[in-house]
PDB file of N, CA and C in Angstrom:
ATOM      1  N   MET A   1      -0.558   4.688 -16.140  1.00  0.00           N
ATOM      2  CA  MET A   1      -0.600   5.079 -14.725  1.00  0.00           C
ATOM      3  C   MET A   1      -0.867   3.834 -13.860  1.00  0.00           C
ATOM      4  N   PRO A   2      -0.069   3.621 -12.828  1.00  0.00           N
ATOM      5  CA  PRO A   2      -0.269   2.425 -11.992  1.00  0.00           C
ATOM      6  C   PRO A   2      -1.559   2.497 -11.176  1.00  0.00           C
ATOM      7  N   THR A   3      -2.037   1.346 -10.794  1.00  0.00           N
ATOM      8  CA  THR A   3      -3.262   1.241 -10.005  1.00  0.00           C
ATOM      9  C   THR A   3      -2.949   0.562  -8.681  1.00  0.00           C
ATOM     10  N   CYS A   4      -3.485   1.121  -7.609  1.00  0.00           N
ATOM     11  CA  CYS A   4      -3.307   0.525  -6.287  1.00  0.00           C
ATOM     12  C   CYS A   4      -4.064  -0.797  -6.210  1.00  0.00           C
ATOM     13  N   ALA A   5      -3.418  -1.836  -5.712  1.00  0.00           N
ATOM     14  CA  ALA A   5      -4.042  -3.150  -5.599  1.00  0.00           C
ATOM     15  C   ALA A   5      -5.120  -3.181  -4.524  1.00  0.00           C
ATOM     16  N   LYS A   6      -5.046  -2.267  -3.556  1.00  0.00           N
ATOM     17  CA  LYS A   6      -6.003  -2.268  -2.453  1.00  0.00           C
ATOM     18  C   LYS A   6      -7.227  -1.399  -2.736  1.00  0.00           C
ATOM     19  N   CYS A   7      -7.006  -0.123  -3.049  1.00  0.00           N
ATOM     20  CA  CYS A   7      -8.144   0.783  -3.257  1.00  0.00           C
ATOM     21  C   CYS A   7      -8.534   0.916  -4.730  1.00  0.00           C
ATOM     22  N   GLU A   8      -7.701   0.372  -5.616  1.00  0.00           N
ATOM     23  CA  GLU A   8      -7.957   0.354  -7.057  1.00  0.00           C
ATOM     24  C   GLU A   8      -8.038   1.739  -7.694  1.00  0.00           C
ATOM     25  N   ASN A   9      -7.440   2.736  -7.049  1.00  0.00           N
ATOM     26  CA  ASN A   9      -7.362   4.071  -7.642  1.00  0.00           C
ATOM     27  C   ASN A   9      -6.131   4.165  -8.537  1.00  0.00           C
ATOM     28  N   ASP A  10      -6.240   4.980  -9.573  1.00  0.00           N
ATOM     29  CA  ASP A  10      -5.061   5.295 -10.380  1.00  0.00           C
ATOM     30  C   ASP A  10      -4.199   6.274  -9.595  1.00  0.00           C
ATOM     31  N   VAL A  11      -2.941   5.953  -9.453  1.00  0.00           N
ATOM     32  CA  VAL A  11      -2.042   6.778  -8.648  1.00  0.00           C
ATOM     33  C   VAL A  11      -0.754   7.061  -9.412  1.00  0.00           C
ATOM     34  N   LYS A  12      -0.045   8.101  -8.975  1.00  0.00           N
ATOM     35  CA  LYS A  12       1.208   8.467  -9.639  1.00  0.00           C
ATOM     36  C   LYS A  12       2.341   7.519  -9.270  1.00  0.00           C
ATOM     37  N   LYS A  13       2.329   7.043  -8.027  1.00  0.00           N
ATOM     38  CA  LYS A  13       3.439   6.225  -7.544  1.00  0.00           C
ATOM     39  C   LYS A  13       2.875   5.104  -6.685  1.00  0.00           C
ATOM     40  N   VAL A  14       3.465   3.928  -6.816  1.00  0.00           N
ATOM     41  CA  VAL A  14       3.039   2.790  -6.002  1.00  0.00           C
ATOM     42  C   VAL A  14       4.224   2.253  -5.210  1.00  0.00           C
ATOM     43  N   TYR A  15       3.902   1.569  -4.130  1.00  0.00           N
ATOM     44  CA  TYR A  15       4.911   1.006  -3.233  1.00  0.00           C
ATOM     45  C   TYR A  15       4.572  -0.455  -2.993  1.00  0.00           C
ATOM     46  N   ASP A  16       5.597  -1.278  -2.844  1.00  0.00           N
ATOM     47  CA  ASP A  16       5.353  -2.671  -2.488  1.00  0.00           C
ATOM     48  C   ASP A  16       6.459  -3.163  -1.566  1.00  0.00           C
ATOM     49  N   CYS A  17       6.139  -4.208  -0.829  1.00  0.00           N
ATOM     50  CA  CYS A  17       7.109  -4.832   0.066  1.00  0.00           C
ATOM     51  C   CYS A  17       6.547  -6.181   0.471  1.00  0.00           C
ATOM     52  N   ASP A  18       7.242  -6.872   1.342  1.00  0.00           N
ATOM     53  CA  ASP A  18       6.745  -8.175   1.777  1.00  0.00           C
ATOM     54  C   ASP A  18       5.414  -8.067   2.516  1.00  0.00           C
ATOM     55  N   HIS A  19       5.159  -6.937   3.160  1.00  0.00           N
ATOM     56  CA  HIS A  19       3.888  -6.768   3.872  1.00  0.00           C
ATOM     57  C   HIS A  19       2.682  -6.690   2.939  1.00  0.00           C
ATOM     58  N   THR A  20       2.892  -6.218   1.723  1.00  0.00           N
ATOM     59  CA  THR A  20       1.792  -6.123   0.755  1.00  0.00           C
ATOM     60  C   THR A  20       1.764  -7.346  -0.164  1.00  0.00           C
ATOM     61  N   ASP A  21       2.547  -8.362   0.169  1.00  0.00           N
ATOM     62  CA  ASP A  21       2.725  -9.530  -0.704  1.00  0.00           C
ATOM     63  C   ASP A  21       3.207  -9.113  -2.094  1.00  0.00           C
ATOM     64  N   TYR A  22       3.982  -8.041  -2.131  1.00  0.00           N
ATOM     65  CA  TYR A  22       4.545  -7.484  -3.357  1.00  0.00           C
ATOM     66  C   TYR A  22       3.488  -7.029  -4.355  1.00  0.00           C
ATOM     67  N   GLU A  23       2.286  -6.737  -3.854  1.00  0.00           N
ATOM     68  CA  GLU A  23       1.289  -6.056  -4.670  1.00  0.00           C
ATOM     69  C   GLU A  23       1.557  -4.562  -4.551  1.00  0.00           C
ATOM     70  N   GLU A  24       1.168  -3.811  -5.556  1.00  0.00           N
ATOM     71  CA  GLU A  24       1.455  -2.378  -5.582  1.00  0.00           C
ATOM     72  C   GLU A  24       0.360  -1.595  -4.881  1.00  0.00           C
ATOM     73  N   TYR A  25       0.731  -0.863  -3.840  1.00  0.00           N
ATOM     74  CA  TYR A  25      -0.200  -0.051  -3.051  1.00  0.00           C
ATOM     75  C   TYR A  25       0.124   1.419  -3.238  1.00  0.00           C
ATOM     76  N   CYS A  26      -0.900   2.259  -3.224  1.00  0.00           N
ATOM     77  CA  CYS A  26      -0.648   3.698  -3.222  1.00  0.00           C
ATOM     78  C   CYS A  26      -0.100   4.104  -1.854  1.00  0.00           C
ATOM     79  N   VAL A  27       0.401   5.322  -1.776  1.00  0.00           N
ATOM     80  CA  VAL A  27       1.038   5.775  -0.535  1.00  0.00           C
ATOM     81  C   VAL A  27       0.068   5.755   0.644  1.00  0.00           C
ATOM     82  N   GLU A  28      -1.196   6.083   0.407  1.00  0.00           N
ATOM     83  CA  GLU A  28      -2.175   6.094   1.504  1.00  0.00           C
ATOM     84  C   GLU A  28      -2.408   4.687   2.058  1.00  0.00           C
ATOM     85  N   CYS A  29      -2.641   3.732   1.176  1.00  0.00           N
ATOM     86  CA  CYS A  29      -2.871   2.353   1.632  1.00  0.00           C
ATOM     87  C   CYS A  29      -1.607   1.750   2.245  1.00  0.00           C
ATOM     88  N   TYR A  30      -0.476   2.065   1.654  1.00  0.00           N
ATOM     89  CA  TYR A  30       0.799   1.557   2.149  1.00  0.00           C
ATOM     90  C   TYR A  30       1.095   2.083   3.554  1.00  0.00           C
ATOM     91  N   THR A  31       0.869   3.373   3.739  1.00  0.00           N
ATOM     92  CA  THR A  31       1.089   3.993   5.051  1.00  0.00           C
ATOM     93  C   THR A  31       0.117   3.436   6.078  1.00  0.00           C
ATOM     94  N   GLU A  32      -1.140   3.291   5.673  1.00  0.00           N
ATOM     95  CA  GLU A  32      -2.172   2.751   6.562  1.00  0.00           C
ATOM     96  C   GLU A  32      -1.817   1.329   7.002  1.00  0.00           C
ATOM     97  N   LEU A  33      -1.362   0.517   6.071  1.00  0.00           N
ATOM     98  CA  LEU A  33      -0.959  -0.857   6.374  1.00  0.00           C
ATOM     99  C   LEU A  33       0.189  -0.882   7.388  1.00  0.00           C
ATOM    100  N   HIS A  34       1.222  -0.082   7.158  1.00  0.00           N
ATOM    101  CA  HIS A  34       2.357  -0.070   8.069  1.00  0.00           C
ATOM    102  C   HIS A  34       2.013   0.541   9.419  1.00  0.00           C
ATOM    103  N   TYR A  35       1.127   1.525   9.417  1.00  0.00           N
ATOM    104  CA  TYR A  35       0.657   2.099  10.679  1.00  0.00           C
ATOM    105  C   TYR A  35      -0.049   1.017  11.494  1.00  0.00           C
ATOM    106  N   TYR A  36      -0.906   0.254  10.835  1.00  0.00           N
ATOM    107  CA  TYR A  36      -1.609  -0.838  11.500  1.00  0.00           C
ATOM    108  C   TYR A  36      -0.620  -1.883  12.032  1.00  0.00           C
ATOM    109  N   LEU A  37       0.357  -2.233  11.227  1.00  0.00           N
ATOM    110  CA  LEU A  37       1.348  -3.234  11.646  1.00  0.00           C
ATOM    111  C   LEU A  37       2.159  -2.774  12.850  1.00  0.00           C
ATOM    112  N   THR A  38       2.494  -1.490  12.900  1.00  0.00           N
ATOM    113  CA  THR A  38       3.315  -0.992  14.005  1.00  0.00           C
ATOM    114  C   THR A  38       2.496  -0.667  15.245  1.00  0.00           C
ATOM    115  N   GLU A  39       1.214  -0.362  15.083  1.00  0.00           N
ATOM    116  CA  GLU A  39       0.378   0.027  16.218  1.00  0.00           C
ATOM    117  C   GLU A  39      -0.323  -1.146  16.902  1.00  0.00           C
ATOM    118  N   LYS A  40      -0.393  -2.296  16.263  1.00  0.00           N
ATOM    119  CA  LYS A  40      -1.198  -3.385  16.823  1.00  0.00           C
ATOM    120  C   LYS A  40      -0.564  -4.081  18.028  1.00  0.00           C
ATOM    121  N   ASP A  41       0.726  -3.875  18.250  1.00  0.00           N
ATOM    122  CA  ASP A  41       1.403  -4.521  19.390  1.00  0.00           C
ATOM    123  C   ASP A  41       1.042  -3.886  20.720  1.00  0.00           C
TER     124      ASP A  41
END
């Protein structure tokens, strides 16, 4: 089972992209990161 690089929880599915430096994030951390990126402007 993959582990989120941010919250370190075991998760069913992980996501990565250039915003996470290609580290694997769970959907909650990934969504939170992108929400922050889009809302900060």
